[in-house]
Structures are given as C-alpha cells and as structure tokens.
Amino acid sequence: MAGILDSVNQRTQLVGENRLELLLFKLVGRQRFGINVFKVREVMPCPTLTVLPKQDGFIKGVAHIRGQTISVIDLSKSTGGPAIEQTADSFIIIAEYNRSVQGFLVAGVERIVTLTWADVMPPPEGAGKSSYLTAVTEIDNEMVSILDVEKILNEISPVSTDVSEEIIDANVGVDLGDKLVMIVDDSTVARNQVKRALEPLGINMILAKNGREALDQLLEITATCEHSITEKVALMISDIEMPEMDGYTLTAEAKGNDRMSKMPIILHTSLSGVFNNAMVEKVGAEDFIPKFHPDELATSVKKWLKLDR
C-alpha cells in the first residue's frame, strides 16, 4: 500500500480542472466505493486496535500511528452494513475531514482512478434521505458509490452549529432585505449545518446540491436582474467537491460572467492542504474557510455582506 498514494504536489495539479482522483475500496461484499484522494493521508494494513470502554459502537477501536492516537471507524457498520470482523486482513484509510483525522476500516483497497466531476453524478432519486451516498460514478462498467462521509461522522459525533452570542446579529438579515445567500453543497448534512449556522443572522437562503445546479439557478436569477445578480443574490457559499461541477469551476464560471462577477463567493470545504489558498486566488473567490466552525463562517458572511451593502 505504500505506493498507492502519489505526492500531494502531483495530485494538486488536478485541482481547478474539474477533475478528481478516487481511491477505490471495498467493505463487505463486492460493491466498490470511492473516497477523494485529497482527503487521504495514508493507506495501511490495519494495525492492532485498542478497544476503549464505552466507545461508540461504530468505532472499532483506536490505533497509535506515528505518535498520534486515531479513532478507527468501521465504515461498513456505520453505513448500515455488517461489521468488518477480520481486521487482520483489512486496511485503514487515514483521512482528514473537518479539521480532524480519522481512520476508516475497509475490507480491501484497490487502486486510484482519475475522473472528471462531470463523470460523477448525484445519487439516484430513489436513494432516500437515509442514503449514505453523496455521488455515484461508473468504472469498469460497474457503479462505484461515493460515501457521504460528513453524514457518517456527524451521526457518530454531531457537529455543533451554534453561533456564539456575540456574533449573532439579526440586523444582518434586516439590512439584507429580500436578497438571498446561496448555499451549495452535495452533502445534505453539510447544507443543513450551514443553514442552521446562518439562521441567527436572519438571512434568506437558497440551496443547491452541486455546482451545475447552482450555476443553472444563478443564470436563471441573473436573467431577471437589471444589471447584476447582486440585486437578488448577495453572497454564495460553496463546497469544493461536488458531482457534475466542482466549486472551483463554479466560482470561475460565476466570476467570468460580467453580471455575476461582483457576487462575493466563500469556498467552504473539508478539503485541506496548502494549495487551497492559491486556488482560491486563481479562481477569484473572496474567502476560503475549512469546515466546520460556525463562528468563523458567520463572521465571514457578515464581513462580505457588509461590504456588499
């Protein structure tokens, strides 16, 4: 497994080109799943795990890796499947989400594939609210499921969406009037987290589940504006990883449109890495905030809405 991940610098060349790399893996059974390589620090055979008293049932144990204690989540059990019993024959995907490091126990790891976000589709309509899928794609004539890891983590350890009292300011919404703030994220959990965090500001919001849907909505709204979309949409908050069109491409499309270019854009993502700031500048976004800290998000929203007014 040592050679399965290339250097970060090589992989970051894909960013901003609406492309991604997926690490393919299996849980229990033949179904294949994928996780964005940008979120993966390391892949390794499962070491000996330490079971802690009263630990969550989805956590297989903790591993001590490179001087760090990491919780190892049974990815099969946490998505409603059977537990992975044979840890000695399994692997751990060590990944970073939302400013913390987790280990995901999987039955097997296959390879890395390069795709465009246009090849990645939202989950089927019949998947339902309980689905743990954030997207699907086809590889080798088989469907590969991309898991909504933010939903899995939130069910194990819910993220607080409460904004500190000193940041809450309902006058923000009063001053904004009928103008909207657009929230774009392929994860239902993440969209609702952002929505709940901003509700104390009293603002009206419009939601989109991927970059393509957001751009279509923006173009439709722009057609009803006399000069600029900021007459009706004051700000956009967008995830980066999304099926059909990623957040970088969405930002570049908006900034390249004369009637949308003045709309402030905040990129809000669980992706980490030094390349983010450079990409934010390259595509023209006003701000970048790692997920998820409600105070930081609300403060940034207040800042850019104030400038807009």
C-alpha atoms as a PDB file:
ATOM      1  CA  MET A   1       0.000   0.000   0.000  1.00  0.00           C
ATOM      2  CA  ALA A   2       2.980   2.343   0.398  1.00  0.00           C
ATOM      3  CA  GLY A   3       2.974   3.326  -3.262  1.00  0.00           C
ATOM      4  CA  ILE A   4      -0.749   3.744  -3.763  1.00  0.00           C
ATOM      5  CA  LEU A   5      -0.699   7.478  -2.989  1.00  0.00           C
ATOM      6  CA  ASP A   6       1.378   9.799  -5.153  1.00  0.00           C
ATOM      7  CA  SER A   7       2.804  13.030  -3.794  1.00  0.00           C
ATOM      8  CA  VAL A   8       0.388  15.781  -2.833  1.00  0.00           C
ATOM      9  CA  ASN A   9       2.081  18.174  -5.243  1.00  0.00           C
ATOM     10  CA  GLN A  10       1.395  15.875  -8.191  1.00  0.00           C
ATOM     11  CA  ARG A  11      -2.239  15.375  -7.226  1.00  0.00           C
ATOM     12  CA  THR A  12      -2.934  19.074  -6.737  1.00  0.00           C
ATOM     13  CA  GLN A  13      -2.405  19.630 -10.446  1.00  0.00           C
ATOM     14  CA  LEU A  14      -5.899  18.202 -10.916  1.00  0.00           C
ATOM     15  CA  VAL A  15      -7.488  20.853  -8.715  1.00  0.00           C
ATOM     16  CA  GLY A  16      -9.318  23.578 -10.600  1.00  0.00           C
ATOM     17  CA  GLU A  17      -9.665  21.462 -13.730  1.00  0.00           C
ATOM     18  CA  ASN A  18     -12.957  19.877 -12.616  1.00  0.00           C
ATOM     19  CA  ARG A  19     -11.098  16.589 -12.115  1.00  0.00           C
ATOM     20  CA  LEU A  20     -10.564  14.336  -9.126  1.00  0.00           C
ATOM     21  CA  GLU A  21      -8.832  11.150  -8.108  1.00  0.00           C
ATOM     22  CA  LEU A  22     -10.809   8.442  -6.340  1.00  0.00           C
ATOM     23  CA  LEU A  23      -9.292   5.789  -4.110  1.00  0.00           C
ATOM     24  CA  LEU A  24     -11.369   2.655  -4.703  1.00  0.00           C
ATOM     25  CA  PHE A  25     -12.074   0.267  -1.827  1.00  0.00           C
ATOM     26  CA  LYS A  26     -14.474  -2.456  -0.712  1.00  0.00           C
ATOM     27  CA  LEU A  27     -16.372  -3.004   2.503  1.00  0.00           C
ATOM     28  CA  VAL A  28     -18.260  -6.292   2.975  1.00  0.00           C
ATOM     29  CA  GLY A  29     -19.248  -7.725  -0.401  1.00  0.00           C
ATOM     30  CA  ARG A  30     -18.282  -6.949  -3.990  1.00  0.00           C
ATOM     31  CA  GLN A  31     -19.649  -3.377  -4.162  1.00  0.00           C
ATOM     32  CA  ARG A  32     -16.908  -0.804  -4.712  1.00  0.00           C
ATOM     33  CA  PHE A  33     -16.759   2.584  -3.029  1.00  0.00           C
ATOM     34  CA  GLY A  34     -14.625   5.667  -3.523  1.00  0.00           C
ATOM     35  CA  ILE A  35     -13.080   8.476  -1.494  1.00  0.00           C
ATOM     36  CA  ASN A  36     -11.361  11.588  -2.834  1.00  0.00           C
ATOM     37  CA  VAL A  37      -7.601  11.106  -2.639  1.00  0.00           C
ATOM     38  CA  PHE A  38      -7.155  14.701  -1.459  1.00  0.00           C
ATOM     39  CA  LYS A  39      -8.689  13.696   1.842  1.00  0.00           C
ATOM     40  CA  VAL A  40      -6.445  10.666   2.299  1.00  0.00           C
ATOM     41  CA  ARG A  41      -3.224  10.913   4.281  1.00  0.00           C
ATOM     42  CA  GLU A  42      -2.215   7.288   4.242  1.00  0.00           C
ATOM     43  CA  VAL A  43      -3.398   3.754   3.495  1.00  0.00           C
ATOM     44  CA  MET A  44      -2.048   0.899   5.599  1.00  0.00           C
ATOM     45  CA  PRO A  45      -2.824  -2.639   6.787  1.00  0.00           C
ATOM     46  CA  CYS A  46      -4.940  -2.496   9.918  1.00  0.00           C
ATOM     47  CA  PRO A  47      -2.675  -2.462  12.987  1.00  0.00           C
ATOM     48  CA  THR A  48      -3.617  -3.863  16.383  1.00  0.00           C
ATOM     49  CA  LEU A  49      -6.520  -1.837  17.718  1.00  0.00           C
ATOM     50  CA  THR A  50      -7.156  -0.864  21.314  1.00  0.00           C
ATOM     51  CA  VAL A  51     -10.776  -1.103  22.430  1.00  0.00           C
ATOM     52  CA  LEU A  52     -11.812   1.681  24.792  1.00  0.00           C
ATOM     53  CA  PRO A  53     -14.533   1.423  27.452  1.00  0.00           C
ATOM     54  CA  LYS A  54     -17.924   2.802  26.367  1.00  0.00           C
ATOM     55  CA  GLN A  55     -16.704   3.627  22.875  1.00  0.00           C
ATOM     56  CA  ASP A  56     -19.252   4.231  20.131  1.00  0.00           C
ATOM     57  CA  GLY A  57     -20.475   1.011  18.525  1.00  0.00           C
ATOM     58  CA  PHE A  58     -19.288   2.132  15.076  1.00  0.00           C
ATOM     59  CA  ILE A  59     -15.738   2.706  16.315  1.00  0.00           C
ATOM     60  CA  LYS A  60     -13.688  -0.473  16.063  1.00  0.00           C
ATOM     61  CA  GLY A  61     -11.006   0.864  18.391  1.00  0.00           C
ATOM     62  CA  VAL A  62      -8.101   3.280  18.383  1.00  0.00           C
ATOM     63  CA  ALA A  63      -4.759   2.932  16.655  1.00  0.00           C
ATOM     64  CA  HIS A  64      -1.473   4.547  17.614  1.00  0.00           C
ATOM     65  CA  ILE A  65       0.066   5.707  14.354  1.00  0.00           C
ATOM     66  CA  ARG A  66       3.146   7.924  14.037  1.00  0.00           C
ATOM     67  CA  GLY A  67       2.757   9.329  17.517  1.00  0.00           C
ATOM     68  CA  GLN A  68      -0.952  10.072  17.097  1.00  0.00           C
ATOM     69  CA  THR A  69      -3.964   8.262  18.539  1.00  0.00           C
ATOM     70  CA  ILE A  70      -6.619   7.842  15.844  1.00  0.00           C
ATOM     71  CA  SER A  71     -10.159   6.519  16.171  1.00  0.00           C
ATOM     72  CA  VAL A  72     -10.880   3.779  13.635  1.00  0.00           C
ATOM     73  CA  ILE A  73     -14.445   3.744  12.283  1.00  0.00           C
ATOM     74  CA  ASP A  74     -15.917   0.566  10.802  1.00  0.00           C
ATOM     75  CA  LEU A  75     -17.086   2.103   7.536  1.00  0.00           C
ATOM     76  CA  SER A  76     -19.322  -0.850   6.709  1.00  0.00           C
ATOM     77  CA  LYS A  77     -21.171  -0.937  10.033  1.00  0.00           C
ATOM     78  CA  SER A  78     -21.524   2.866  10.161  1.00  0.00           C
ATOM     79  CA  THR A  79     -23.385   2.813   6.829  1.00  0.00           C
ATOM     80  CA  GLY A  80     -25.832   0.097   7.870  1.00  0.00           C
ATOM     81  CA  GLY A  81     -23.887  -2.923   6.646  1.00  0.00           C
ATOM     82  CA  PRO A  82     -22.383  -5.853   8.536  1.00  0.00           C
ATOM     83  CA  ALA A  83     -19.325  -5.246  10.688  1.00  0.00           C
ATOM     84  CA  ILE A  84     -15.865  -5.970   9.279  1.00  0.00           C
ATOM     85  CA  GLU A  85     -14.748  -8.822  11.521  1.00  0.00           C
ATOM     86  CA  GLN A  86     -11.341  -9.815  10.135  1.00  0.00           C
ATOM     87  CA  THR A  87      -9.309  -6.740  10.984  1.00  0.00           C
ATOM     88  CA  ALA A  88      -6.046  -8.600  10.453  1.00  0.00           C
ATOM     89  CA  ASP A  89      -6.840  -8.875   6.729  1.00  0.00           C
ATOM     90  CA  SER A  90      -8.283  -5.367   6.435  1.00  0.00           C
ATOM     91  CA  PHE A  91      -6.922  -1.884   5.805  1.00  0.00           C
ATOM     92  CA  ILE A  92      -7.205   1.559   7.322  1.00  0.00           C
ATOM     93  CA  ILE A  93      -7.703   4.666   5.209  1.00  0.00           C
ATOM     94  CA  ILE A  94      -6.398   7.573   7.283  1.00  0.00           C
ATOM     95  CA  ALA A  95      -8.194  10.708   6.180  1.00  0.00           C
ATOM     96  CA  GLU A  96      -8.665  14.290   7.286  1.00  0.00           C
ATOM     97  CA  TYR A  97     -12.178  15.726   7.414  1.00  0.00           C
ATOM     98  CA  ASN A  98     -13.330  18.929   9.019  1.00  0.00           C
ATOM     99  CA  ARG A  99     -10.029  19.649  10.789  1.00  0.00           C
ATOM    100  CA  SER A 100      -9.716  16.216  12.399  1.00  0.00           C
ATOM    101  CA  VAL A 101      -8.048  12.942  11.446  1.00  0.00           C
ATOM    102  CA  GLN A 102      -9.983   9.671  11.341  1.00  0.00           C
ATOM    103  CA  GLY A 103      -9.209   6.117  10.372  1.00  0.00           C
ATOM    104  CA  PHE A 104     -11.733   4.234   8.227  1.00  0.00           C
ATOM    105  CA  LEU A 105     -11.634   0.446   8.423  1.00  0.00           C
ATOM    106  CA  VAL A 106     -12.258  -1.131   4.998  1.00  0.00           C
ATOM    107  CA  ALA A 107     -12.058  -4.740   3.834  1.00  0.00           C
ATOM    108  CA  GLY A 108      -9.809  -4.053   0.868  1.00  0.00           C
ATOM    109  CA  VAL A 109      -8.181  -1.272  -1.146  1.00  0.00           C
ATOM    110  CA  GLU A 110      -7.900  -1.470  -4.924  1.00  0.00           C
ATOM    111  CA  ARG A 111      -6.394   1.447  -6.858  1.00  0.00           C
ATOM    112  CA  ILE A 112      -6.672   5.132  -7.701  1.00  0.00           C
ATOM    113  CA  VAL A 113      -8.622   6.308 -10.752  1.00  0.00           C
ATOM    114  CA  THR A 114      -8.741   9.779 -12.324  1.00  0.00           C
ATOM    115  CA  LEU A 115     -12.131  11.178 -13.335  1.00  0.00           C
ATOM    116  CA  THR A 116     -13.782  14.451 -14.209  1.00  0.00           C
ATOM    117  CA  TRP A 117     -16.501  15.747 -11.922  1.00  0.00           C
ATOM    118  CA  ALA A 118     -18.748  15.645 -14.998  1.00  0.00           C
ATOM    119  CA  ASP A 119     -18.491  11.827 -14.792  1.00  0.00           C
ATOM    120  CA  VAL A 120     -19.715  11.891 -11.189  1.00  0.00           C
ATOM    121  CA  MET A 121     -23.486  12.026 -10.760  1.00  0.00           C
ATOM    122  CA  PRO A 122     -25.758  12.728  -7.795  1.00  0.00           C
ATOM    123  CA  PRO A 123     -27.244   9.615  -6.138  1.00  0.00           C
ATOM    124  CA  PRO A 124     -30.375   8.124  -7.724  1.00  0.00           C
ATOM    125  CA  GLU A 125     -33.594   9.860  -6.701  1.00  0.00           C
ATOM    126  CA  GLY A 126     -34.849   6.687  -5.013  1.00  0.00           C
ATOM    127  CA  ALA A 127     -31.916   6.576  -2.597  1.00  0.00           C
ATOM    128  CA  GLY A 128     -33.942   8.401   0.064  1.00  0.00           C
ATOM    129  CA  LYS A 129     -32.898  10.615   2.945  1.00  0.00           C
ATOM    130  CA  SER A 130     -31.278   7.710   4.780  1.00  0.00           C
ATOM    131  CA  SER A 131     -28.819   7.101   1.926  1.00  0.00           C
ATOM    132  CA  TYR A 132     -25.127   7.441   2.783  1.00  0.00           C
ATOM    133  CA  LEU A 133     -24.236   8.264  -0.820  1.00  0.00           C
ATOM    134  CA  THR A 134     -23.184  11.712  -1.924  1.00  0.00           C
ATOM    135  CA  ALA A 135     -22.496  10.695  -5.548  1.00  0.00           C
ATOM    136  CA  VAL A 136     -22.060   7.755  -7.906  1.00  0.00           C
ATOM    137  CA  THR A 137     -19.924   7.070 -10.965  1.00  0.00           C
ATOM    138  CA  GLU A 138     -19.233   4.210 -13.352  1.00  0.00           C
ATOM    139  CA  ILE A 139     -15.862   2.463 -13.517  1.00  0.00           C
ATOM    140  CA  ASP A 140     -15.176  -0.753 -15.446  1.00  0.00           C
ATOM    141  CA  ASN A 141     -18.895  -0.933 -16.278  1.00  0.00           C
ATOM    142  CA  GLU A 142     -19.781  -1.079 -12.578  1.00  0.00           C
ATOM    143  CA  MET A 143     -21.314   1.536 -10.326  1.00  0.00           C
ATOM    144  CA  VAL A 144     -18.988   2.986  -7.693  1.00  0.00           C
ATOM    145  CA  SER A 145     -20.587   4.714  -4.704  1.00  0.00           C
ATOM    146  CA  ILE A 146     -19.010   7.804  -3.155  1.00  0.00           C
ATOM    147  CA  LEU A 147     -19.959   7.945   0.502  1.00  0.00           C
ATOM    148  CA  ASP A 148     -21.251  10.997   2.334  1.00  0.00           C
ATOM    149  CA  VAL A 149     -18.510  10.875   4.955  1.00  0.00           C
ATOM    150  CA  GLU A 150     -19.704  14.114   6.568  1.00  0.00           C
ATOM    151  CA  LYS A 151     -23.041  12.451   7.314  1.00  0.00           C
ATOM    152  CA  ILE A 152     -21.316   9.392   8.773  1.00  0.00           C
ATOM    153  CA  LEU A 153     -19.091  11.485  11.026  1.00  0.00           C
ATOM    154  CA  ASN A 154     -21.961  13.711  12.102  1.00  0.00           C
ATOM    155  CA  GLU A 155     -24.014  10.698  13.192  1.00  0.00           C
ATOM    156  CA  ILE A 156     -21.122   9.384  15.290  1.00  0.00           C
ATOM    157  CA  SER A 157     -20.089  12.757  16.702  1.00  0.00           C
ATOM    158  CA  PRO A 158     -22.597  15.506  15.859  1.00  0.00           C
ATOM    159  CA  VAL A 159     -21.133  18.877  14.896  1.00  0.00           C
ATOM    160  CA  SER A 160     -22.432  21.913  16.756  1.00  0.00           C
ATOM    161  CA  THR A 161     -23.981  24.577  14.536  1.00  0.00           C
ATOM    162  CA  ASP A 162     -24.448  27.081  17.357  1.00  0.00           C
ATOM    163  CA  VAL A 163     -23.048  30.556  16.756  1.00  0.00           C
ATOM    164  CA  SER A 164     -21.654  32.492  19.718  1.00  0.00           C
ATOM    165  CA  GLU A 165     -23.948  35.145  21.175  1.00  0.00           C
ATOM    166  CA  GLU A 166     -21.553  37.982  20.372  1.00  0.00           C
ATOM    167  CA  ILE A 167     -21.641  37.062  16.657  1.00  0.00           C
ATOM    168  CA  ILE A 168     -25.424  36.700  16.346  1.00  0.00           C
ATOM    169  CA  ASP A 169     -26.906  39.769  14.677  1.00  0.00           C
ATOM    170  CA  ALA A 170     -30.431  39.612  13.264  1.00  0.00           C
ATOM    171  CA  ASN A 171     -29.926  43.094  11.792  1.00  0.00           C
ATOM    172  CA  VAL A 172     -27.830  41.459   9.086  1.00  0.00           C
ATOM    173  CA  GLY A 173     -30.994  39.953   7.635  1.00  0.00           C
ATOM    174  CA  VAL A 174     -32.967  43.162   8.165  1.00  0.00           C
ATOM    175  CA  ASP A 175     -30.391  45.166   6.235  1.00  0.00           C
ATOM    176  CA  LEU A 176     -30.233  42.494   3.527  1.00  0.00           C
ATOM    177  CA  GLY A 177     -33.970  42.616   2.917  1.00  0.00           C
ATOM    178  CA  ASP A 178     -35.163  40.186   0.253  1.00  0.00           C
ATOM    179  CA  LYS A 179     -31.680  39.416  -1.036  1.00  0.00           C
ATOM    180  CA  LEU A 180     -30.591  35.777  -0.832  1.00  0.00           C
ATOM    181  CA  VAL A 181     -27.495  33.883   0.243  1.00  0.00           C
ATOM    182  CA  MET A 182     -26.892  30.771  -1.863  1.00  0.00           C
ATOM    183  CA  ILE A 183     -25.549  27.617  -0.177  1.00  0.00           C
ATOM    184  CA  VAL A 184     -24.044  24.949  -2.451  1.00  0.00           C
ATOM    185  CA  ASP A 185     -23.041  21.534  -1.111  1.00  0.00           C
ATOM    186  CA  ASP A 186     -23.625  17.960  -2.257  1.00  0.00           C
ATOM    187  CA  SER A 187     -23.936  16.710   1.338  1.00  0.00           C
ATOM    188  CA  THR A 188     -27.411  17.165   2.801  1.00  0.00           C
ATOM    189  CA  VAL A 189     -25.877  17.231   6.278  1.00  0.00           C
ATOM    190  CA  ALA A 190     -23.366  19.941   5.308  1.00  0.00           C
ATOM    191  CA  ARG A 191     -26.045  22.088   3.637  1.00  0.00           C
ATOM    192  CA  ASN A 192     -28.197  21.923   6.752  1.00  0.00           C
ATOM    193  CA  GLN A 193     -25.223  22.687   9.013  1.00  0.00           C
ATOM    194  CA  VAL A 194     -24.506  25.878   7.095  1.00  0.00           C
ATOM    195  CA  LYS A 195     -28.191  26.798   7.007  1.00  0.00           C
ATOM    196  CA  ARG A 196     -28.608  26.363  10.778  1.00  0.00           C
ATOM    197  CA  ALA A 197     -25.444  28.334  11.497  1.00  0.00           C
ATOM    198  CA  LEU A 198     -26.681  31.302   9.456  1.00  0.00           C
ATOM    199  CA  GLU A 199     -30.299  31.316  10.608  1.00  0.00           C
ATOM    200  CA  PRO A 200     -29.491  33.505  13.666  1.00  0.00           C
ATOM    201  CA  LEU A 201     -28.392  36.230  11.231  1.00  0.00           C
ATOM    202  CA  GLY A 202     -31.938  36.385   9.891  1.00  0.00           C
ATOM    203  CA  ILE A 203     -30.976  35.953   6.248  1.00  0.00           C
ATOM    204  CA  ASN A 204     -32.949  34.278   3.456  1.00  0.00           C
ATOM    205  CA  MET A 205     -31.191  31.344   1.818  1.00  0.00           C
ATOM    206  CA  ILE A 206     -31.426  29.338  -1.386  1.00  0.00           C
ATOM    207  CA  LEU A 207     -29.882  25.853  -1.613  1.00  0.00           C
ATOM    208  CA  ALA A 208     -28.239  23.849  -4.406  1.00  0.00           C
ATOM    209  CA  LYS A 209     -26.820  20.335  -4.251  1.00  0.00           C
ATOM    210  CA  ASN A 210     -23.979  20.684  -6.768  1.00  0.00           C
ATOM    211  CA  GLY A 211     -22.153  23.224  -8.886  1.00  0.00           C
ATOM    212  CA  ARG A 212     -24.140  22.558 -12.038  1.00  0.00           C
ATOM    213  CA  GLU A 213     -27.476  23.056 -10.273  1.00  0.00           C
ATOM    214  CA  ALA A 214     -26.147  26.221  -8.607  1.00  0.00           C
ATOM    215  CA  LEU A 215     -24.927  27.697 -11.897  1.00  0.00           C
ATOM    216  CA  ASP A 216     -28.255  26.952 -13.569  1.00  0.00           C
ATOM    217  CA  GLN A 217     -30.094  28.702 -10.708  1.00  0.00           C
ATOM    218  CA  LEU A 218     -27.738  31.688 -10.851  1.00  0.00           C
ATOM    219  CA  LEU A 219     -28.180  32.071 -14.619  1.00  0.00           C
ATOM    220  CA  GLU A 220     -31.946  31.923 -14.201  1.00  0.00           C
ATOM    221  CA  ILE A 221     -31.872  34.589 -11.480  1.00  0.00           C
ATOM    222  CA  THR A 222     -29.452  36.755 -13.455  1.00  0.00           C
ATOM    223  CA  ALA A 223     -31.901  36.867 -16.334  1.00  0.00           C
ATOM    224  CA  THR A 224     -34.388  38.621 -14.027  1.00  0.00           C
ATOM    225  CA  CYS A 225     -31.900  41.270 -12.817  1.00  0.00           C
ATOM    226  CA  GLU A 226     -31.490  44.664 -14.436  1.00  0.00           C
ATOM    227  CA  HIS A 227     -27.720  44.893 -14.023  1.00  0.00           C
ATOM    228  CA  SER A 228     -26.077  42.418 -11.622  1.00  0.00           C
ATOM    229  CA  ILE A 229     -27.106  39.271  -9.790  1.00  0.00           C
ATOM    230  CA  THR A 230     -26.218  41.056  -6.540  1.00  0.00           C
ATOM    231  CA  GLU A 231     -29.595  42.762  -6.871  1.00  0.00           C
ATOM    232  CA  LYS A 232     -31.050  39.426  -5.708  1.00  0.00           C
ATOM    233  CA  VAL A 233     -28.193  37.173  -4.536  1.00  0.00           C
ATOM    234  CA  ALA A 234     -25.804  38.930  -2.159  1.00  0.00           C
ATOM    235  CA  LEU A 235     -23.368  36.062  -1.491  1.00  0.00           C
ATOM    236  CA  MET A 236     -22.621  32.440  -2.369  1.00  0.00           C
ATOM    237  CA  ILE A 237     -21.128  29.814  -0.041  1.00  0.00           C
ATOM    238  CA  SER A 238     -19.894  26.776  -1.944  1.00  0.00           C
ATOM    239  CA  ASP A 239     -18.332  23.428  -1.201  1.00  0.00           C
ATOM    240  CA  ILE A 240     -15.473  22.382  -3.485  1.00  0.00           C
ATOM    241  CA  GLU A 241     -16.056  18.649  -4.039  1.00  0.00           C
ATOM    242  CA  MET A 242     -19.359  18.183  -5.859  1.00  0.00           C
ATOM    243  CA  PRO A 243     -20.686  15.964  -8.652  1.00  0.00           C
ATOM    244  CA  GLU A 244     -21.135  17.343 -12.171  1.00  0.00           C
ATOM    245  CA  MET A 245     -19.272  20.605 -11.390  1.00  0.00           C
ATOM    246  CA  ASP A 246     -16.899  21.334  -8.523  1.00  0.00           C
ATOM    247  CA  GLY A 247     -16.744  24.539  -6.502  1.00  0.00           C
ATOM    248  CA  TYR A 248     -13.623  25.865  -8.220  1.00  0.00           C
ATOM    249  CA  THR A 249     -15.226  25.542 -11.640  1.00  0.00           C
ATOM    250  CA  LEU A 250     -18.481  27.052 -10.363  1.00  0.00           C
ATOM    251  CA  THR A 251     -16.542  30.024  -8.955  1.00  0.00           C
ATOM    252  CA  ALA A 252     -14.600  30.522 -12.176  1.00  0.00           C
ATOM    253  CA  GLU A 253     -17.843  30.408 -14.214  1.00  0.00           C
ATOM    254  CA  ALA A 254     -19.511  32.972 -11.936  1.00  0.00           C
ATOM    255  CA  LYS A 255     -16.513  35.306 -11.867  1.00  0.00           C
ATOM    256  CA  GLY A 256     -16.196  35.049 -15.638  1.00  0.00           C
ATOM    257  CA  ASN A 257     -19.761  36.273 -16.115  1.00  0.00           C
ATOM    258  CA  ASP A 258     -19.979  40.071 -16.158  1.00  0.00           C
ATOM    259  CA  ARG A 259     -23.358  40.037 -14.437  1.00  0.00           C
ATOM    260  CA  MET A 260     -22.223  37.669 -11.652  1.00  0.00           C
ATOM    261  CA  SER A 261     -18.646  38.763 -11.081  1.00  0.00           C
ATOM    262  CA  LYS A 262     -19.445  41.188  -8.248  1.00  0.00           C
ATOM    263  CA  MET A 263     -21.132  38.487  -6.116  1.00  0.00           C
ATOM    264  CA  PRO A 264     -18.798  37.546  -3.207  1.00  0.00           C
ATOM    265  CA  ILE A 265     -18.035  33.813  -3.009  1.00  0.00           C
ATOM    266  CA  ILE A 266     -16.888  31.904   0.073  1.00  0.00           C
ATOM    267  CA  LEU A 267     -15.428  28.434  -0.554  1.00  0.00           C
ATOM    268  CA  HIS A 268     -16.294  26.232   2.425  1.00  0.00           C
ATOM    269  CA  THR A 269     -14.801  22.764   2.344  1.00  0.00           C
ATOM    270  CA  SER A 270     -13.485  19.793   4.282  1.00  0.00           C
ATOM    271  CA  LEU A 271     -10.547  19.613   1.861  1.00  0.00           C
ATOM    272  CA  SER A 272      -7.252  20.571   3.441  1.00  0.00           C
ATOM    273  CA  GLY A 273      -3.865  21.461   2.055  1.00  0.00           C
ATOM    274  CA  VAL A 274      -1.664  24.434   1.276  1.00  0.00           C
ATOM    275  CA  PHE A 275      -2.901  24.510  -2.326  1.00  0.00           C
ATOM    276  CA  ASN A 276      -6.321  25.822  -1.302  1.00  0.00           C
ATOM    277  CA  ASN A 277      -5.305  29.453  -0.806  1.00  0.00           C
ATOM    278  CA  ALA A 278      -3.594  29.537  -4.184  1.00  0.00           C
ATOM    279  CA  MET A 279      -6.642  28.037  -5.876  1.00  0.00           C
ATOM    280  CA  VAL A 280      -8.990  30.491  -4.134  1.00  0.00           C
ATOM    281  CA  GLU A 281      -6.952  33.344  -5.588  1.00  0.00           C
ATOM    282  CA  LYS A 282      -6.724  31.687  -9.002  1.00  0.00           C
ATOM    283  CA  VAL A 283     -10.488  31.277  -9.456  1.00  0.00           C
ATOM    284  CA  GLY A 284     -11.311  34.626  -7.831  1.00  0.00           C
ATOM    285  CA  ALA A 285     -13.180  33.598  -4.662  1.00  0.00           C
ATOM    286  CA  GLU A 286     -13.235  36.163  -1.861  1.00  0.00           C
ATOM    287  CA  ASP A 287     -12.641  33.763   1.041  1.00  0.00           C
ATOM    288  CA  PHE A 288     -11.816  30.173   1.985  1.00  0.00           C
ATOM    289  CA  ILE A 289     -12.985  28.568   5.238  1.00  0.00           C
ATOM    290  CA  PRO A 290     -12.262  24.953   6.254  1.00  0.00           C
ATOM    291  CA  LYS A 291     -15.299  23.095   7.603  1.00  0.00           C
ATOM    292  CA  PHE A 292     -16.820  23.334  10.098  1.00  0.00           C
ATOM    293  CA  HIS A 293     -16.699  26.196  12.579  1.00  0.00           C
ATOM    294  CA  PRO A 294     -19.979  28.147  12.769  1.00  0.00           C
ATOM    295  CA  ASP A 295     -18.390  31.267  14.290  1.00  0.00           C
ATOM    296  CA  GLU A 296     -15.802  31.556  11.505  1.00  0.00           C
ATOM    297  CA  LEU A 297     -18.450  31.011   8.839  1.00  0.00           C
ATOM    298  CA  ALA A 298     -20.912  33.519  10.337  1.00  0.00           C
ATOM    299  CA  THR A 299     -18.154  36.110  10.805  1.00  0.00           C
ATOM    300  CA  SER A 300     -17.057  35.773   7.177  1.00  0.00           C
ATOM    301  CA  VAL A 301     -20.652  36.005   5.950  1.00  0.00           C
ATOM    302  CA  LYS A 302     -21.223  39.177   7.983  1.00  0.00           C
ATOM    303  CA  LYS A 303     -17.982  40.664   6.617  1.00  0.00           C
ATOM    304  CA  TRP A 304     -18.805  40.113   2.941  1.00  0.00           C
ATOM    305  CA  LEU A 305     -22.477  41.062   3.266  1.00  0.00           C
ATOM    306  CA  LYS A 306     -21.436  44.306   4.949  1.00  0.00           C
ATOM    307  CA  LEU A 307     -19.064  45.106   2.104  1.00  0.00           C
ATOM    308  CA  ASP A 308     -21.795  44.280  -0.387  1.00  0.00           C
ATOM    309  CA  ARG A 309     -24.146  46.800   1.250  1.00  0.00           C
END
